[in-house]
Amino acid sequence: MSQYDEGHTVAGWTGFGIATVGVTGIGFGICAGNTLGVWGGLAVVVISLLVTWVLHLAGWGKPPGRRPVGDWAMRAKDRTAREGHPRCLGCRLAGRGRPAELPARVTAETGRGEPVTGSAG
């Protein structure tokens, strides 16, 4: 297993498999001079994006960033998917995303970080 925890999900591998079929169709369409094959392959690639997105929203993907080592197994379901993940484009497109935490501004008086508010200061 990779030490970086990238793509070890049902959503990732399913999307990759479907996209591989679509890209293969595009390649055969180009080699054969068949426009319908190229467009059919492109349609399959778009379907792979949609399938991956739906699986991510169903909890079979992973949030951005690293997960705890105990959640690295491919069959580990993400229990936080229903609320949405911060900084996740797929969750924001589905209307689920939680707002990302505001950056902290270190003040000279306290030396600690304070949340940045909308007002200039």
PDB file of N, CA and C in Angstrom:
ATOM      1  N   MET A   1       0.841  -1.168   0.000  1.00  0.00           N
ATOM      2  CA  MET A   1       0.000   0.000   0.000  1.00  0.00           C
ATOM      3  C   MET A   1       0.891   1.236   0.000  1.00  0.00           C
ATOM      4  N   SER A   2       0.457   2.256  -0.673  1.00  0.00           N
ATOM      5  CA  SER A   2       1.236   3.485  -0.788  1.00  0.00           C
ATOM      6  C   SER A   2       1.261   4.245   0.533  1.00  0.00           C
ATOM      7  N   GLN A   3       2.344   4.935   0.789  1.00  0.00           N
ATOM      8  CA  GLN A   3       2.424   5.734   2.000  1.00  0.00           C
ATOM      9  C   GLN A   3       1.684   7.052   1.849  1.00  0.00           C
ATOM     10  N   TYR A   4       1.195   7.362   0.659  1.00  0.00           N
ATOM     11  CA  TYR A   4       0.549   8.643   0.428  1.00  0.00           C
ATOM     12  C   TYR A   4      -0.961   8.579   0.361  1.00  0.00           C
ATOM     13  N   ASP A   5      -1.561   7.389   0.366  1.00  0.00           N
ATOM     14  CA  ASP A   5      -3.010   7.240   0.443  1.00  0.00           C
ATOM     15  C   ASP A   5      -3.728   7.970  -0.697  1.00  0.00           C
ATOM     16  N   GLU A   6      -3.309   7.769  -1.910  1.00  0.00           N
ATOM     17  CA  GLU A   6      -3.954   8.416  -3.044  1.00  0.00           C
ATOM     18  C   GLU A   6      -4.665   7.389  -3.913  1.00  0.00           C
ATOM     19  N   GLY A   7      -5.958   7.578  -4.124  1.00  0.00           N
ATOM     20  CA  GLY A   7      -6.707   6.758  -5.060  1.00  0.00           C
ATOM     21  C   GLY A   7      -7.058   5.367  -4.596  1.00  0.00           C
ATOM     22  N   HIS A   8      -6.881   5.051  -3.339  1.00  0.00           N
ATOM     23  CA  HIS A   8      -7.178   3.711  -2.837  1.00  0.00           C
ATOM     24  C   HIS A   8      -8.631   3.637  -2.405  1.00  0.00           C
ATOM     25  N   THR A   9      -9.538   3.928  -3.334  1.00  0.00           N
ATOM     26  CA  THR A   9     -10.961   3.922  -3.010  1.00  0.00           C
ATOM     27  C   THR A   9     -11.724   3.209  -4.117  1.00  0.00           C
ATOM     28  N   VAL A  10     -12.921   2.783  -3.770  1.00  0.00           N
ATOM     29  CA  VAL A  10     -13.805   2.165  -4.759  1.00  0.00           C
ATOM     30  C   VAL A  10     -14.141   3.177  -5.849  1.00  0.00           C
ATOM     31  N   ALA A  11     -14.412   4.416  -5.458  1.00  0.00           N
ATOM     32  CA  ALA A  11     -14.738   5.449  -6.448  1.00  0.00           C
ATOM     33  C   ALA A  11     -13.570   5.689  -7.399  1.00  0.00           C
ATOM     34  N   GLY A  12     -12.361   5.750  -6.875  1.00  0.00           N
ATOM     35  CA  GLY A  12     -11.192   6.004  -7.714  1.00  0.00           C
ATOM     36  C   GLY A  12     -10.939   4.896  -8.720  1.00  0.00           C
ATOM     37  N   TRP A  13     -10.967   3.653  -8.261  1.00  0.00           N
ATOM     38  CA  TRP A  13     -10.682   2.544  -9.164  1.00  0.00           C
ATOM     39  C   TRP A  13     -11.816   2.299 -10.152  1.00  0.00           C
ATOM     40  N   THR A  14     -13.053   2.496  -9.743  1.00  0.00           N
ATOM     41  CA  THR A  14     -14.168   2.325 -10.678  1.00  0.00           C
ATOM     42  C   THR A  14     -14.109   3.381 -11.769  1.00  0.00           C
ATOM     43  N   GLY A  15     -13.874   4.633 -11.368  1.00  0.00           N
ATOM     44  CA  GLY A  15     -13.751   5.704 -12.354  1.00  0.00           C
ATOM     45  C   GLY A  15     -12.592   5.487 -13.302  1.00  0.00           C
ATOM     46  N   PHE A  16     -11.467   5.014 -12.763  1.00  0.00           N
ATOM     47  CA  PHE A  16     -10.299   4.735 -13.592  1.00  0.00           C
ATOM     48  C   PHE A  16     -10.607   3.633 -14.614  1.00  0.00           C
ATOM     49  N   GLY A  17     -11.269   2.581 -14.178  1.00  0.00           N
ATOM     50  CA  GLY A  17     -11.591   1.475 -15.089  1.00  0.00           C
ATOM     51  C   GLY A  17     -12.509   1.910 -16.224  1.00  0.00           C
ATOM     52  N   ILE A  18     -13.545   2.669 -15.891  1.00  0.00           N
ATOM     53  CA  ILE A  18     -14.476   3.139 -16.932  1.00  0.00           C
ATOM     54  C   ILE A  18     -13.774   4.121 -17.861  1.00  0.00           C
ATOM     55  N   ALA A  19     -12.965   5.019 -17.313  1.00  0.00           N
ATOM     56  CA  ALA A  19     -12.244   5.984 -18.149  1.00  0.00           C
ATOM     57  C   ALA A  19     -11.262   5.284 -19.077  1.00  0.00           C
ATOM     58  N   THR A  20     -10.639   4.192 -18.621  1.00  0.00           N
ATOM     59  CA  THR A  20      -9.712   3.442 -19.471  1.00  0.00           C
ATOM     60  C   THR A  20     -10.435   2.867 -20.678  1.00  0.00           C
ATOM     61  N   VAL A  21     -11.638   2.361 -20.457  1.00  0.00           N
ATOM     62  CA  VAL A  21     -12.440   1.851 -21.577  1.00  0.00           C
ATOM     63  C   VAL A  21     -12.756   2.992 -22.554  1.00  0.00           C
ATOM     64  N   GLY A  22     -13.112   4.160 -22.017  1.00  0.00           N
ATOM     65  CA  GLY A  22     -13.431   5.298 -22.880  1.00  0.00           C
ATOM     66  C   GLY A  22     -12.238   5.784 -23.679  1.00  0.00           C
ATOM     67  N   VAL A  23     -11.075   5.878 -23.049  1.00  0.00           N
ATOM     68  CA  VAL A  23      -9.873   6.335 -23.755  1.00  0.00           C
ATOM     69  C   VAL A  23      -9.450   5.315 -24.805  1.00  0.00           C
ATOM     70  N   THR A  24      -9.633   4.039 -24.508  1.00  0.00           N
ATOM     71  CA  THR A  24      -9.341   3.002 -25.501  1.00  0.00           C
ATOM     72  C   THR A  24     -10.257   3.154 -26.706  1.00  0.00           C
ATOM     73  N   GLY A  25     -11.531   3.438 -26.447  1.00  0.00           N
ATOM     74  CA  GLY A  25     -12.469   3.681 -27.553  1.00  0.00           C
ATOM     75  C   GLY A  25     -12.081   4.890 -28.384  1.00  0.00           C
ATOM     76  N   ILE A  26     -11.615   5.945 -27.732  1.00  0.00           N
ATOM     77  CA  ILE A  26     -11.153   7.129 -28.459  1.00  0.00           C
ATOM     78  C   ILE A  26      -9.956   6.766 -29.341  1.00  0.00           C
ATOM     79  N   GLY A  27      -9.022   6.006 -28.789  1.00  0.00           N
ATOM     80  CA  GLY A  27      -7.842   5.603 -29.562  1.00  0.00           C
ATOM     81  C   GLY A  27      -8.203   4.763 -30.769  1.00  0.00           C
ATOM     82  N   PHE A  28      -9.086   3.787 -30.572  1.00  0.00           N
ATOM     83  CA  PHE A  28      -9.515   2.973 -31.722  1.00  0.00           C
ATOM     84  C   PHE A  28     -10.255   3.823 -32.754  1.00  0.00           C
ATOM     85  N   GLY A  29     -11.062   4.752 -32.277  1.00  0.00           N
ATOM     86  CA  GLY A  29     -11.781   5.629 -33.201  1.00  0.00           C
ATOM     87  C   GLY A  29     -10.836   6.485 -34.026  1.00  0.00           C
ATOM     88  N   ILE A  30      -9.778   6.977 -33.393  1.00  0.00           N
ATOM     89  CA  ILE A  30      -8.797   7.788 -34.125  1.00  0.00           C
ATOM     90  C   ILE A  30      -8.047   6.927 -35.135  1.00  0.00           C
ATOM     91  N   CYS A  31      -7.605   5.746 -34.700  1.00  0.00           N
ATOM     92  CA  CYS A  31      -6.844   4.865 -35.601  1.00  0.00           C
ATOM     93  C   CYS A  31      -7.678   4.395 -36.782  1.00  0.00           C
ATOM     94  N   ALA A  32      -8.953   4.144 -36.552  1.00  0.00           N
ATOM     95  CA  ALA A  32      -9.820   3.651 -37.617  1.00  0.00           C
ATOM     96  C   ALA A  32     -10.439   4.788 -38.432  1.00  0.00           C
ATOM     97  N   GLY A  33     -10.228   6.012 -38.015  1.00  0.00           N
ATOM     98  CA  GLY A  33     -10.833   7.143 -38.719  1.00  0.00           C
ATOM     99  C   GLY A  33     -12.344   7.175 -38.513  1.00  0.00           C
ATOM    100  N   ASN A  34     -12.810   6.677 -37.380  1.00  0.00           N
ATOM    101  CA  ASN A  34     -14.232   6.575 -37.095  1.00  0.00           C
ATOM    102  C   ASN A  34     -14.616   7.662 -36.091  1.00  0.00           C
ATOM    103  N   THR A  35     -15.316   8.670 -36.566  1.00  0.00           N
ATOM    104  CA  THR A  35     -15.725   9.771 -35.704  1.00  0.00           C
ATOM    105  C   THR A  35     -16.683   9.305 -34.623  1.00  0.00           C
ATOM    106  N   LEU A  36     -17.562   8.378 -34.962  1.00  0.00           N
ATOM    107  CA  LEU A  36     -18.512   7.866 -33.981  1.00  0.00           C
ATOM    108  C   LEU A  36     -17.782   7.180 -32.820  1.00  0.00           C
ATOM    109  N   GLY A  37     -16.696   6.467 -33.093  1.00  0.00           N
ATOM    110  CA  GLY A  37     -15.904   5.832 -32.047  1.00  0.00           C
ATOM    111  C   GLY A  37     -15.263   6.846 -31.115  1.00  0.00           C
ATOM    112  N   VAL A  38     -14.790   7.955 -31.686  1.00  0.00           N
ATOM    113  CA  VAL A  38     -14.182   9.008 -30.868  1.00  0.00           C
ATOM    114  C   VAL A  38     -15.233   9.630 -29.953  1.00  0.00           C
ATOM    115  N   TRP A  39     -16.384   9.973 -30.495  1.00  0.00           N
ATOM    116  CA  TRP A  39     -17.447  10.576 -29.684  1.00  0.00           C
ATOM    117  C   TRP A  39     -18.007   9.590 -28.660  1.00  0.00           C
ATOM    118  N   GLY A  40     -18.095   8.332 -29.033  1.00  0.00           N
ATOM    119  CA  GLY A  40     -18.544   7.312 -28.081  1.00  0.00           C
ATOM    120  C   GLY A  40     -17.567   7.168 -26.931  1.00  0.00           C
ATOM    121  N   GLY A  41     -16.269   7.183 -27.234  1.00  0.00           N
ATOM    122  CA  GLY A  41     -15.254   7.118 -26.184  1.00  0.00           C
ATOM    123  C   GLY A  41     -15.305   8.328 -25.270  1.00  0.00           C
ATOM    124  N   LEU A  42     -15.509   9.509 -25.848  1.00  0.00           N
ATOM    125  CA  LEU A  42     -15.641  10.711 -25.025  1.00  0.00           C
ATOM    126  C   LEU A  42     -16.858  10.626 -24.110  1.00  0.00           C
ATOM    127  N   ALA A  43     -17.946  10.067 -24.613  1.00  0.00           N
ATOM    128  CA  ALA A  43     -19.145   9.893 -23.789  1.00  0.00           C
ATOM    129  C   ALA A  43     -18.864   8.951 -22.615  1.00  0.00           C
ATOM    130  N   VAL A  44     -18.108   7.890 -22.859  1.00  0.00           N
ATOM    131  CA  VAL A  44     -17.768   6.953 -21.785  1.00  0.00           C
ATOM    132  C   VAL A  44     -16.880   7.636 -20.747  1.00  0.00           C
ATOM    133  N   VAL A  45     -15.967   8.493 -21.163  1.00  0.00           N
ATOM    134  CA  VAL A  45     -15.118   9.224 -20.217  1.00  0.00           C
ATOM    135  C   VAL A  45     -15.978  10.149 -19.347  1.00  0.00           C
ATOM    136  N   VAL A  46     -16.956  10.825 -19.945  1.00  0.00           N
ATOM    137  CA  VAL A  46     -17.858  11.687 -19.167  1.00  0.00           C
ATOM    138  C   VAL A  46     -18.665  10.845 -18.174  1.00  0.00           C
ATOM    139  N   ILE A  47     -19.112   9.671 -18.610  1.00  0.00           N
ATOM    140  CA  ILE A  47     -19.840   8.773 -17.709  1.00  0.00           C
ATOM    141  C   ILE A  47     -18.939   8.362 -16.538  1.00  0.00           C
ATOM    142  N   SER A  48     -17.652   8.132 -16.800  1.00  0.00           N
ATOM    143  CA  SER A  48     -16.740   7.760 -15.712  1.00  0.00           C
ATOM    144  C   SER A  48     -16.632   8.878 -14.676  1.00  0.00           C
ATOM    145  N   LEU A  49     -16.629  10.124 -15.135  1.00  0.00           N
ATOM    146  CA  LEU A  49     -16.605  11.244 -14.190  1.00  0.00           C
ATOM    147  C   LEU A  49     -17.852  11.267 -13.317  1.00  0.00           C
ATOM    148  N   LEU A  50     -18.995  11.053 -13.942  1.00  0.00           N
ATOM    149  CA  LEU A  50     -20.251  11.058 -13.188  1.00  0.00           C
ATOM    150  C   LEU A  50     -20.331   9.901 -12.200  1.00  0.00           C
ATOM    151  N   VAL A  51     -19.904   8.715 -12.621  1.00  0.00           N
ATOM    152  CA  VAL A  51     -19.920   7.548 -11.726  1.00  0.00           C
ATOM    153  C   VAL A  51     -18.988   7.778 -10.538  1.00  0.00           C
ATOM    154  N   THR A  52     -17.800   8.313 -10.794  1.00  0.00           N
ATOM    155  CA  THR A  52     -16.853   8.585  -9.720  1.00  0.00           C
ATOM    156  C   THR A  52     -17.427   9.602  -8.740  1.00  0.00           C
ATOM    157  N   TRP A  53     -18.072  10.626  -9.247  1.00  0.00           N
ATOM    158  CA  TRP A  53     -18.667  11.662  -8.406  1.00  0.00           C
ATOM    159  C   TRP A  53     -19.781  11.093  -7.532  1.00  0.00           C
ATOM    160  N   VAL A  54     -20.655  10.299  -8.138  1.00  0.00           N
ATOM    161  CA  VAL A  54     -21.754   9.699  -7.377  1.00  0.00           C
ATOM    162  C   VAL A  54     -21.215   8.762  -6.287  1.00  0.00           C
ATOM    163  N   LEU A  55     -20.205   7.965  -6.614  1.00  0.00           N
ATOM    164  CA  LEU A  55     -19.618   7.083  -5.609  1.00  0.00           C
ATOM    165  C   LEU A  55     -18.939   7.880  -4.494  1.00  0.00           C
ATOM    166  N   HIS A  56     -18.298   8.989  -4.842  1.00  0.00           N
ATOM    167  CA  HIS A  56     -17.687   9.843  -3.824  1.00  0.00           C
ATOM    168  C   HIS A  56     -18.760  10.383  -2.879  1.00  0.00           C
ATOM    169  N   LEU A  57     -19.865  10.852  -3.432  1.00  0.00           N
ATOM    170  CA  LEU A  57     -20.938  11.394  -2.605  1.00  0.00           C
ATOM    171  C   LEU A  57     -21.600  10.317  -1.754  1.00  0.00           C
ATOM    172  N   ALA A  58     -21.561   9.072  -2.221  1.00  0.00           N
ATOM    173  CA  ALA A  58     -22.138   7.957  -1.466  1.00  0.00           C
ATOM    174  C   ALA A  58     -21.200   7.459  -0.372  1.00  0.00           C
ATOM    175  N   GLY A  59     -19.988   7.997  -0.305  1.00  0.00           N
ATOM    176  CA  GLY A  59     -19.064   7.626   0.751  1.00  0.00           C
ATOM    177  C   GLY A  59     -17.993   6.640   0.330  1.00  0.00           C
ATOM    178  N   TRP A  60     -17.914   6.304  -0.949  1.00  0.00           N
ATOM    179  CA  TRP A  60     -16.913   5.350  -1.414  1.00  0.00           C
ATOM    180  C   TRP A  60     -15.675   6.033  -1.970  1.00  0.00           C
ATOM    181  N   GLY A  61     -15.573   7.330  -1.788  1.00  0.00           N
ATOM    182  CA  GLY A  61     -14.373   8.073  -2.157  1.00  0.00           C
ATOM    183  C   GLY A  61     -13.619   8.452  -0.896  1.00  0.00           C
ATOM    184  N   LYS A  62     -12.893   9.553  -0.952  1.00  0.00           N
ATOM    185  CA  LYS A  62     -12.198  10.027   0.235  1.00  0.00           C
ATOM    186  C   LYS A  62     -12.161  11.540   0.211  1.00  0.00           C
ATOM    187  N   PRO A  63     -12.079  12.156   1.384  1.00  0.00           N
ATOM    188  CA  PRO A  63     -11.971  13.605   1.416  1.00  0.00           C
ATOM    189  C   PRO A  63     -10.596  14.051   0.958  1.00  0.00           C
ATOM    190  N   PRO A  64     -10.444  15.325   0.603  1.00  0.00           N
ATOM    191  CA  PRO A  64      -9.115  15.820   0.250  1.00  0.00           C
ATOM    192  C   PRO A  64      -8.152  15.675   1.429  1.00  0.00           C
ATOM    193  N   GLY A  65      -6.908  15.445   1.131  1.00  0.00           N
ATOM    194  CA  GLY A  65      -5.903  15.310   2.179  1.00  0.00           C
ATOM    195  C   GLY A  65      -5.717  13.868   2.616  1.00  0.00           C
ATOM    196  N   ARG A  66      -4.910  13.685   3.647  1.00  0.00           N
ATOM    197  CA  ARG A  66      -4.585  12.343   4.129  1.00  0.00           C
ATOM    198  C   ARG A  66      -5.612  11.862   5.136  1.00  0.00           C
ATOM    199  N   ARG A  67      -5.868  10.578   5.107  1.00  0.00           N
ATOM    200  CA  ARG A  67      -6.745   9.949   6.085  1.00  0.00           C
ATOM    201  C   ARG A  67      -5.889   9.236   7.117  1.00  0.00           C
ATOM    202  N   PRO A  68      -6.478   8.904   8.261  1.00  0.00           N
ATOM    203  CA  PRO A  68      -5.747   8.085   9.229  1.00  0.00           C
ATOM    204  C   PRO A  68      -5.409   6.729   8.608  1.00  0.00           C
ATOM    205  N   VAL A  69      -4.308   6.141   9.018  1.00  0.00           N
ATOM    206  CA  VAL A  69      -3.840   4.878   8.433  1.00  0.00           C
ATOM    207  C   VAL A  69      -4.904   3.796   8.541  1.00  0.00           C
ATOM    208  N   GLY A  70      -5.696   3.795   9.587  1.00  0.00           N
ATOM    209  CA  GLY A  70      -6.743   2.796   9.748  1.00  0.00           C
ATOM    210  C   GLY A  70      -7.829   2.876   8.687  1.00  0.00           C
ATOM    211  N   ASP A  71      -7.971   4.015   8.011  1.00  0.00           N
ATOM    212  CA  ASP A  71      -8.982   4.196   6.959  1.00  0.00           C
ATOM    213  C   ASP A  71      -8.416   4.031   5.557  1.00  0.00           C
ATOM    214  N   TRP A  72      -7.189   3.518   5.424  1.00  0.00           N
ATOM    215  CA  TRP A  72      -6.560   3.404   4.110  1.00  0.00           C
ATOM    216  C   TRP A  72      -7.065   2.223   3.309  1.00  0.00           C
ATOM    217  N   ALA A  73      -7.749   1.275   3.914  1.00  0.00           N
ATOM    218  CA  ALA A  73      -8.232   0.120   3.165  1.00  0.00           C
ATOM    219  C   ALA A  73      -9.208   0.570   2.083  1.00  0.00           C
ATOM    220  N   MET A  74      -9.178  -0.105   0.951  1.00  0.00           N
ATOM    221  CA  MET A  74     -10.008   0.306  -0.166  1.00  0.00           C
ATOM    222  C   MET A  74     -11.495   0.217   0.172  1.00  0.00           C
ATOM    223  N   ARG A  75     -11.876  -0.719   0.993  1.00  0.00           N
ATOM    224  CA  ARG A  75     -13.294  -0.892   1.323  1.00  0.00           C
ATOM    225  C   ARG A  75     -13.750  -0.029   2.493  1.00  0.00           C
ATOM    226  N   ALA A  76     -12.895   0.843   2.993  1.00  0.00           N
ATOM    227  CA  ALA A  76     -13.280   1.720   4.103  1.00  0.00           C
ATOM    228  C   ALA A  76     -14.210   2.803   3.578  1.00  0.00           C
ATOM    229  N   LYS A  77     -15.405   2.852   4.112  1.00  0.00           N
ATOM    230  CA  LYS A  77     -16.386   3.842   3.675  1.00  0.00           C
ATOM    231  C   LYS A  77     -16.185   5.134   4.465  1.00  0.00           C
ATOM    232  N   ASP A  78     -16.305   6.258   3.776  1.00  0.00           N
ATOM    233  CA  ASP A  78     -16.145   7.568   4.392  1.00  0.00           C
ATOM    234  C   ASP A  78     -17.464   7.968   5.049  1.00  0.00           C
ATOM    235  N   ARG A  79     -17.475   8.031   6.359  1.00  0.00           N
ATOM    236  CA  ARG A  79     -18.702   8.352   7.106  1.00  0.00           C
ATOM    237  C   ARG A  79     -19.015   9.846   7.113  1.00  0.00           C
ATOM    238  N   THR A  80     -18.091  10.689   6.677  1.00  0.00           N
ATOM    239  CA  THR A  80     -18.324  12.139   6.685  1.00  0.00           C
ATOM    240  C   THR A  80     -18.818  12.661   5.341  1.00  0.00           C
ATOM    241  N   ALA A  81     -19.056  11.787   4.380  1.00  0.00           N
ATOM    242  CA  ALA A  81     -19.429  12.235   3.034  1.00  0.00           C
ATOM    243  C   ALA A  81     -20.797  12.902   2.999  1.00  0.00           C
ATOM    244  N   ARG A  82     -21.705  12.490   3.851  1.00  0.00           N
ATOM    245  CA  ARG A  82     -23.061  13.056   3.813  1.00  0.00           C
ATOM    246  C   ARG A  82     -23.063  14.545   4.140  1.00  0.00           C
ATOM    247  N   GLU A  83     -22.188  14.978   5.053  1.00  0.00           N
ATOM    248  CA  GLU A  83     -22.130  16.398   5.407  1.00  0.00           C
ATOM    249  C   GLU A  83     -21.322  17.200   4.399  1.00  0.00           C
ATOM    250  N   GLY A  84     -20.474  16.542   3.641  1.00  0.00           N
ATOM    251  CA  GLY A  84     -19.599  17.227   2.697  1.00  0.00           C
ATOM    252  C   GLY A  84     -18.233  17.461   3.312  1.00  0.00           C
ATOM    253  N   HIS A  85     -17.246  17.590   2.458  1.00  0.00           N
ATOM    254  CA  HIS A  85     -15.871  17.795   2.909  1.00  0.00           C
ATOM    255  C   HIS A  85     -15.450  19.240   2.656  1.00  0.00           C
ATOM    256  N   PRO A  86     -14.714  19.830   3.588  1.00  0.00           N
ATOM    257  CA  PRO A  86     -14.192  21.168   3.308  1.00  0.00           C
ATOM    258  C   PRO A  86     -13.196  21.119   2.142  1.00  0.00           C
ATOM    259  N   ARG A  87     -13.194  22.119   1.323  1.00  0.00           N
ATOM    260  CA  ARG A  87     -12.290  22.250   0.168  1.00  0.00           C
ATOM    261  C   ARG A  87     -12.490  21.152  -0.869  1.00  0.00           C
ATOM    262  N   CYS A  88     -13.656  20.534  -0.939  1.00  0.00           N
ATOM    263  CA  CYS A  88     -13.905  19.457  -1.896  1.00  0.00           C
ATOM    264  C   CYS A  88     -14.821  19.976  -3.006  1.00  0.00           C
ATOM    265  N   LEU A  89     -14.300  20.020  -4.224  1.00  0.00           N
ATOM    266  CA  LEU A  89     -15.071  20.523  -5.356  1.00  0.00           C
ATOM    267  C   LEU A  89     -16.296  19.665  -5.614  1.00  0.00           C
ATOM    268  N   GLY A  90     -16.149  18.338  -5.536  1.00  0.00           N
ATOM    269  CA  GLY A  90     -17.285  17.446  -5.769  1.00  0.00           C
ATOM    270  C   GLY A  90     -18.417  17.679  -4.788  1.00  0.00           C
ATOM    271  N   CYS A  91     -18.086  17.883  -3.530  1.00  0.00           N
ATOM    272  CA  CYS A  91     -19.118  18.144  -2.518  1.00  0.00           C
ATOM    273  C   CYS A  91     -19.761  19.517  -2.734  1.00  0.00           C
ATOM    274  N   ARG A  92     -18.956  20.508  -3.095  1.00  0.00           N
ATOM    275  CA  ARG A  92     -19.524  21.844  -3.350  1.00  0.00           C
ATOM    276  C   ARG A  92     -20.460  21.819  -4.544  1.00  0.00           C
ATOM    277  N   LEU A  93     -20.110  21.057  -5.594  1.00  0.00           N
ATOM    278  CA  LEU A  93     -20.989  20.961  -6.763  1.00  0.00           C
ATOM    279  C   LEU A  93     -22.314  20.306  -6.406  1.00  0.00           C
ATOM    280  N   ALA A  94     -22.306  19.420  -5.411  1.00  0.00           N
ATOM    281  CA  ALA A  94     -23.534  18.761  -4.971  1.00  0.00           C
ATOM    282  C   ALA A  94     -24.268  19.584  -3.918  1.00  0.00           C
ATOM    283  N   GLY A  95     -23.715  20.731  -3.528  1.00  0.00           N
ATOM    284  CA  GLY A  95     -24.348  21.579  -2.535  1.00  0.00           C
ATOM    285  C   GLY A  95     -24.141  21.091  -1.114  1.00  0.00           C
ATOM    286  N   ARG A  96     -23.115  20.295  -0.880  1.00  0.00           N
ATOM    287  CA  ARG A  96     -22.887  19.706   0.436  1.00  0.00           C
ATOM    288  C   ARG A  96     -21.750  20.325   1.214  1.00  0.00           C
ATOM    289  N   GLY A  97     -20.831  20.960   0.579  1.00  0.00           N
ATOM    290  CA  GLY A  97     -19.568  21.322   1.219  1.00  0.00           C
ATOM    291  C   GLY A  97     -19.712  22.186   2.451  1.00  0.00           C
ATOM    292  N   ARG A  98     -18.940  21.858   3.459  1.00  0.00           N
ATOM    293  CA  ARG A  98     -18.826  22.724   4.622  1.00  0.00           C
ATOM    294  C   ARG A  98     -17.840  23.820   4.268  1.00  0.00           C
ATOM    295  N   PRO A  99     -18.043  25.005   4.793  1.00  0.00           N
ATOM    296  CA  PRO A  99     -17.067  26.060   4.483  1.00  0.00           C
ATOM    297  C   PRO A  99     -15.717  25.711   5.073  1.00  0.00           C
ATOM    298  N   ALA A 100     -14.685  26.014   4.328  1.00  0.00           N
ATOM    299  CA  ALA A 100     -13.324  25.775   4.816  1.00  0.00           C
ATOM    300  C   ALA A 100     -13.068  26.695   5.997  1.00  0.00           C
ATOM    301  N   GLU A 101     -12.223  26.250   6.899  1.00  0.00           N
ATOM    302  CA  GLU A 101     -11.906  27.077   8.058  1.00  0.00           C
ATOM    303  C   GLU A 101     -11.192  28.344   7.609  1.00  0.00           C
ATOM    304  N   LEU A 102     -11.534  29.417   8.279  1.00  0.00           N
ATOM    305  CA  LEU A 102     -10.916  30.693   7.937  1.00  0.00           C
ATOM    306  C   LEU A 102      -9.456  30.684   8.373  1.00  0.00           C
ATOM    307  N   PRO A 103      -8.587  31.332   7.596  1.00  0.00           N
ATOM    308  CA  PRO A 103      -7.181  31.391   8.001  1.00  0.00           C
ATOM    309  C   PRO A 103      -7.020  32.252   9.252  1.00  0.00           C
ATOM    310  N   ALA A 104      -6.026  31.927  10.021  1.00  0.00           N
ATOM    311  CA  ALA A 104      -5.770  32.685  11.250  1.00  0.00           C
ATOM    312  C   ALA A 104      -4.773  33.794  10.964  1.00  0.00           C
ATOM    313  N   ARG A 105      -4.971  34.914  11.633  1.00  0.00           N
ATOM    314  CA  ARG A 105      -4.060  36.046  11.514  1.00  0.00           C
ATOM    315  C   ARG A 105      -3.374  36.199  12.865  1.00  0.00           C
ATOM    316  N   VAL A 106      -2.062  36.184  12.872  1.00  0.00           N
ATOM    317  CA  VAL A 106      -1.311  36.327  14.117  1.00  0.00           C
ATOM    318  C   VAL A 106      -1.240  37.798  14.459  1.00  0.00           C
ATOM    319  N   THR A 107      -1.661  38.113  15.676  1.00  0.00           N
ATOM    320  CA  THR A 107      -1.624  39.511  16.097  1.00  0.00           C
ATOM    321  C   THR A 107      -0.346  39.785  16.870  1.00  0.00           C
ATOM    322  N   ALA A 108       0.110  41.005  16.787  1.00  0.00           N
ATOM    323  CA  ALA A 108       1.347  41.393  17.469  1.00  0.00           C
ATOM    324  C   ALA A 108       1.146  41.451  18.979  1.00  0.00           C
ATOM    325  N   GLU A 109      -0.085  41.778  19.431  1.00  0.00           N
ATOM    326  CA  GLU A 109      -0.327  41.922  20.862  1.00  0.00           C
ATOM    327  C   GLU A 109      -0.259  40.586  21.592  1.00  0.00           C
ATOM    328  N   THR A 110      -0.918  39.570  21.042  1.00  0.00           N
ATOM    329  CA  THR A 110      -1.008  38.288  21.751  1.00  0.00           C
ATOM    330  C   THR A 110      -0.047  37.242  21.216  1.00  0.00           C
ATOM    331  N   GLY A 111       0.356  37.366  19.955  1.00  0.00           N
ATOM    332  CA  GLY A 111       1.220  36.358  19.355  1.00  0.00           C
ATOM    333  C   GLY A 111       0.481  35.083  18.984  1.00  0.00           C
ATOM    334  N   ARG A 112      -0.841  35.112  19.102  1.00  0.00           N
ATOM    335  CA  ARG A 112      -1.656  33.938  18.761  1.00  0.00           C
ATOM    336  C   ARG A 112      -2.478  34.236  17.524  1.00  0.00           C
ATOM    337  N   GLY A 113      -2.944  33.176  16.887  1.00  0.00           N
ATOM    338  CA  GLY A 113      -3.788  33.335  15.731  1.00  0.00           C
ATOM    339  C   GLY A 113      -5.219  33.669  16.114  1.00  0.00           C
ATOM    340  N   GLU A 114      -5.818  34.592  15.395  1.00  0.00           N
ATOM    341  CA  GLU A 114      -7.214  34.945  15.589  1.00  0.00           C
ATOM    342  C   GLU A 114      -7.905  34.795  14.245  1.00  0.00           C
ATOM    343  N   PRO A 115      -9.167  34.332  14.235  1.00  0.00           N
ATOM    344  CA  PRO A 115      -9.855  34.164  12.949  1.00  0.00           C
ATOM    345  C   PRO A 115      -9.956  35.492  12.202  1.00  0.00           C
ATOM    346  N   VAL A 116      -9.797  35.406  10.893  1.00  0.00           N
ATOM    347  CA  VAL A 116      -9.920  36.576  10.047  1.00  0.00           C
ATOM    348  C   VAL A 116     -11.404  36.827   9.804  1.00  0.00           C
ATOM    349  N   THR A 117     -11.861  38.025  10.066  1.00  0.00           N
ATOM    350  CA  THR A 117     -13.261  38.368   9.830  1.00  0.00           C
ATOM    351  C   THR A 117     -13.368  39.172   8.554  1.00  0.00           C
ATOM    352  N   GLY A 118     -14.593  39.483   8.158  1.00  0.00           N
ATOM    353  CA  GLY A 118     -14.822  40.198   6.926  1.00  0.00           C
ATOM    354  C   GLY A 118     -14.370  41.646   6.966  1.00  0.00           C
ATOM    355  N   SER A 119     -14.210  42.227   8.133  1.00  0.00           N
ATOM    356  CA  SER A 119     -13.830  43.635   8.202  1.00  0.00           C
ATOM    357  C   SER A 119     -12.325  43.776   8.125  1.00  0.00           C
ATOM    358  N   ALA A 120     -11.908  44.873   7.515  1.00  0.00           N
ATOM    359  CA  ALA A 120     -10.466  45.146   7.414  1.00  0.00           C
ATOM    360  C   ALA A 120      -9.953  45.604   8.765  1.00  0.00           C
ATOM    361  N   GLY A 121      -8.745  45.224   9.083  1.00  0.00           N
ATOM    362  CA  GLY A 121      -8.302  45.642  10.396  1.00  0.00           C
ATOM    363  C   GLY A 121      -6.887  45.612  10.483  1.00  0.00           C
TER     364      GLY A 121
END
